[in-house]
Amino acid sequence: MPTEPVPILIGGHGAPALQRAARRGDGWMHAGGSPAELDRLLARLGRLRVEYETRSDFEVHVISPDGFTVEGVKRLETRVSPM
């Protein structure tokens, strides 16, 4: 039995999955796709996180070429923040 809570990450690109992740999950998992689609999903998720007042320790896991460079990770960090 875990001694600490196990985070529940919600996956999916559809509106219901994003809403569920922002409202009930501990995070969201991206399943890949184009950079433009990722930008759209992160923007939508950010708006939902503000609307649902999601916790600040919400995790976002993405599949992106940006994840392979320091500059890319910094770009992702700015796109993930809901504020």
C-alpha atoms as a PDB file:
ATOM      1  CA  MET A   1       0.000   0.000   0.000  1.00  0.00           C
ATOM      2  CA  PRO A   2       1.441   3.412  -0.930  1.00  0.00           C
ATOM      3  CA  THR A   3       2.468   5.597   1.976  1.00  0.00           C
ATOM      4  CA  GLU A   4       1.614   8.754   0.010  1.00  0.00           C
ATOM      5  CA  PRO A   5      -1.235   9.529  -2.410  1.00  0.00           C
ATOM      6  CA  VAL A   6      -0.725   8.236  -5.952  1.00  0.00           C
ATOM      7  CA  PRO A   7      -1.343  11.030  -8.506  1.00  0.00           C
ATOM      8  CA  ILE A   8      -4.153  10.406 -10.975  1.00  0.00           C
ATOM      9  CA  LEU A   9      -3.254  11.747 -14.428  1.00  0.00           C
ATOM     10  CA  ILE A  10      -6.080  12.047 -16.965  1.00  0.00           C
ATOM     11  CA  GLY A  11      -5.261  11.519 -20.639  1.00  0.00           C
ATOM     12  CA  GLY A  12      -7.153  12.549 -23.717  1.00  0.00           C
ATOM     13  CA  HIS A  13      -7.500  15.382 -26.169  1.00  0.00           C
ATOM     14  CA  GLY A  14     -11.277  15.752 -26.223  1.00  0.00           C
ATOM     15  CA  ALA A  15     -13.188  18.426 -24.331  1.00  0.00           C
ATOM     16  CA  PRO A  16     -14.559  15.978 -21.713  1.00  0.00           C
ATOM     17  CA  ALA A  17     -11.067  14.622 -20.952  1.00  0.00           C
ATOM     18  CA  LEU A  18      -9.591  18.104 -20.540  1.00  0.00           C
ATOM     19  CA  GLN A  19     -12.468  19.134 -18.284  1.00  0.00           C
ATOM     20  CA  ARG A  20     -12.120  15.954 -16.213  1.00  0.00           C
ATOM     21  CA  ALA A  21      -8.368  16.476 -15.846  1.00  0.00           C
ATOM     22  CA  ALA A  22      -8.769  20.114 -14.748  1.00  0.00           C
ATOM     23  CA  ARG A  23     -11.668  19.400 -12.408  1.00  0.00           C
ATOM     24  CA  ARG A  24     -10.803  16.038 -10.858  1.00  0.00           C
ATOM     25  CA  GLY A  25      -7.305  14.952 -11.814  1.00  0.00           C
ATOM     26  CA  ASP A  26      -3.878  15.554 -10.408  1.00  0.00           C
ATOM     27  CA  GLY A  27      -2.617  16.147 -13.928  1.00  0.00           C
ATOM     28  CA  TRP A  28      -3.063  15.672 -17.666  1.00  0.00           C
ATOM     29  CA  MET A  29      -1.216  13.468 -20.168  1.00  0.00           C
ATOM     30  CA  HIS A  30      -0.772  14.482 -23.794  1.00  0.00           C
ATOM     31  CA  ALA A  31      -0.771  11.655 -26.345  1.00  0.00           C
ATOM     32  CA  GLY A  32       1.173  13.339 -29.142  1.00  0.00           C
ATOM     33  CA  GLY A  33       0.245  15.343 -32.208  1.00  0.00           C
ATOM     34  CA  SER A  34       1.281  18.505 -33.946  1.00  0.00           C
ATOM     35  CA  PRO A  35       2.817  21.468 -32.096  1.00  0.00           C
ATOM     36  CA  ALA A  36      -0.170  23.615 -33.126  1.00  0.00           C
ATOM     37  CA  GLU A  37      -2.570  21.060 -31.628  1.00  0.00           C
ATOM     38  CA  LEU A  38      -0.515  20.948 -28.421  1.00  0.00           C
ATOM     39  CA  ASP A  39      -0.673  24.741 -28.167  1.00  0.00           C
ATOM     40  CA  ARG A  40      -4.471  24.620 -28.569  1.00  0.00           C
ATOM     41  CA  LEU A  41      -4.823  21.867 -25.945  1.00  0.00           C
ATOM     42  CA  LEU A  42      -2.561  23.614 -23.430  1.00  0.00           C
ATOM     43  CA  ALA A  43      -4.439  26.892 -23.891  1.00  0.00           C
ATOM     44  CA  ARG A  44      -7.776  25.143 -23.329  1.00  0.00           C
ATOM     45  CA  LEU A  45      -6.425  23.258 -20.332  1.00  0.00           C
ATOM     46  CA  GLY A  46      -5.069  26.502 -18.888  1.00  0.00           C
ATOM     47  CA  ARG A  47      -8.463  28.192 -19.180  1.00  0.00           C
ATOM     48  CA  LEU A  48     -10.149  25.199 -17.537  1.00  0.00           C
ATOM     49  CA  ARG A  49      -7.618  25.179 -14.709  1.00  0.00           C
ATOM     50  CA  VAL A  50      -8.405  28.814 -13.983  1.00  0.00           C
ATOM     51  CA  GLU A  51     -12.150  28.159 -14.216  1.00  0.00           C
ATOM     52  CA  TYR A  52     -11.987  25.142 -11.875  1.00  0.00           C
ATOM     53  CA  GLU A  53      -9.298  26.683  -9.638  1.00  0.00           C
ATOM     54  CA  THR A  54      -7.036  23.685 -10.104  1.00  0.00           C
ATOM     55  CA  ARG A  55      -4.283  23.118  -7.564  1.00  0.00           C
ATOM     56  CA  SER A  56      -0.898  24.676  -8.339  1.00  0.00           C
ATOM     57  CA  ASP A  57       0.871  21.282  -8.189  1.00  0.00           C
ATOM     58  CA  PHE A  58      -1.137  20.007 -11.192  1.00  0.00           C
ATOM     59  CA  GLU A  59       1.142  17.931 -13.460  1.00  0.00           C
ATOM     60  CA  VAL A  60       1.226  18.168 -17.247  1.00  0.00           C
ATOM     61  CA  HIS A  61       3.057  15.484 -19.260  1.00  0.00           C
ATOM     62  CA  VAL A  62       3.503  16.139 -22.981  1.00  0.00           C
ATOM     63  CA  ILE A  63       5.081  14.446 -25.970  1.00  0.00           C
ATOM     64  CA  SER A  64       6.875  17.199 -27.852  1.00  0.00           C
ATOM     65  CA  PRO A  65      10.175  17.792 -29.641  1.00  0.00           C
ATOM     66  CA  ASP A  66      10.488  20.791 -27.296  1.00  0.00           C
ATOM     67  CA  GLY A  67      11.187  18.349 -24.477  1.00  0.00           C
ATOM     68  CA  PHE A  68      14.669  17.593 -25.826  1.00  0.00           C
ATOM     69  CA  THR A  69      16.309  20.996 -25.376  1.00  0.00           C
ATOM     70  CA  VAL A  70      16.593  23.401 -22.469  1.00  0.00           C
ATOM     71  CA  GLU A  71      15.060  26.188 -24.575  1.00  0.00           C
ATOM     72  CA  GLY A  72      12.202  23.916 -25.613  1.00  0.00           C
ATOM     73  CA  VAL A  73      11.459  22.926 -22.026  1.00  0.00           C
ATOM     74  CA  LYS A  74      11.349  26.612 -21.074  1.00  0.00           C
ATOM     75  CA  ARG A  75       8.854  27.240 -23.916  1.00  0.00           C
ATOM     76  CA  LEU A  76       6.704  24.358 -22.675  1.00  0.00           C
ATOM     77  CA  GLU A  77       6.796  25.693 -19.118  1.00  0.00           C
ATOM     78  CA  THR A  78       5.387  29.044 -20.237  1.00  0.00           C
ATOM     79  CA  ARG A  79       2.656  27.327 -22.271  1.00  0.00           C
ATOM     80  CA  VAL A  80       1.626  25.031 -19.393  1.00  0.00           C
ATOM     81  CA  SER A  81       1.122  27.738 -16.766  1.00  0.00           C
ATOM     82  CA  PRO A  82      -2.546  28.749 -16.508  1.00  0.00           C
ATOM     83  CA  MET A  83      -1.681  32.245 -15.277  1.00  0.00           C
END
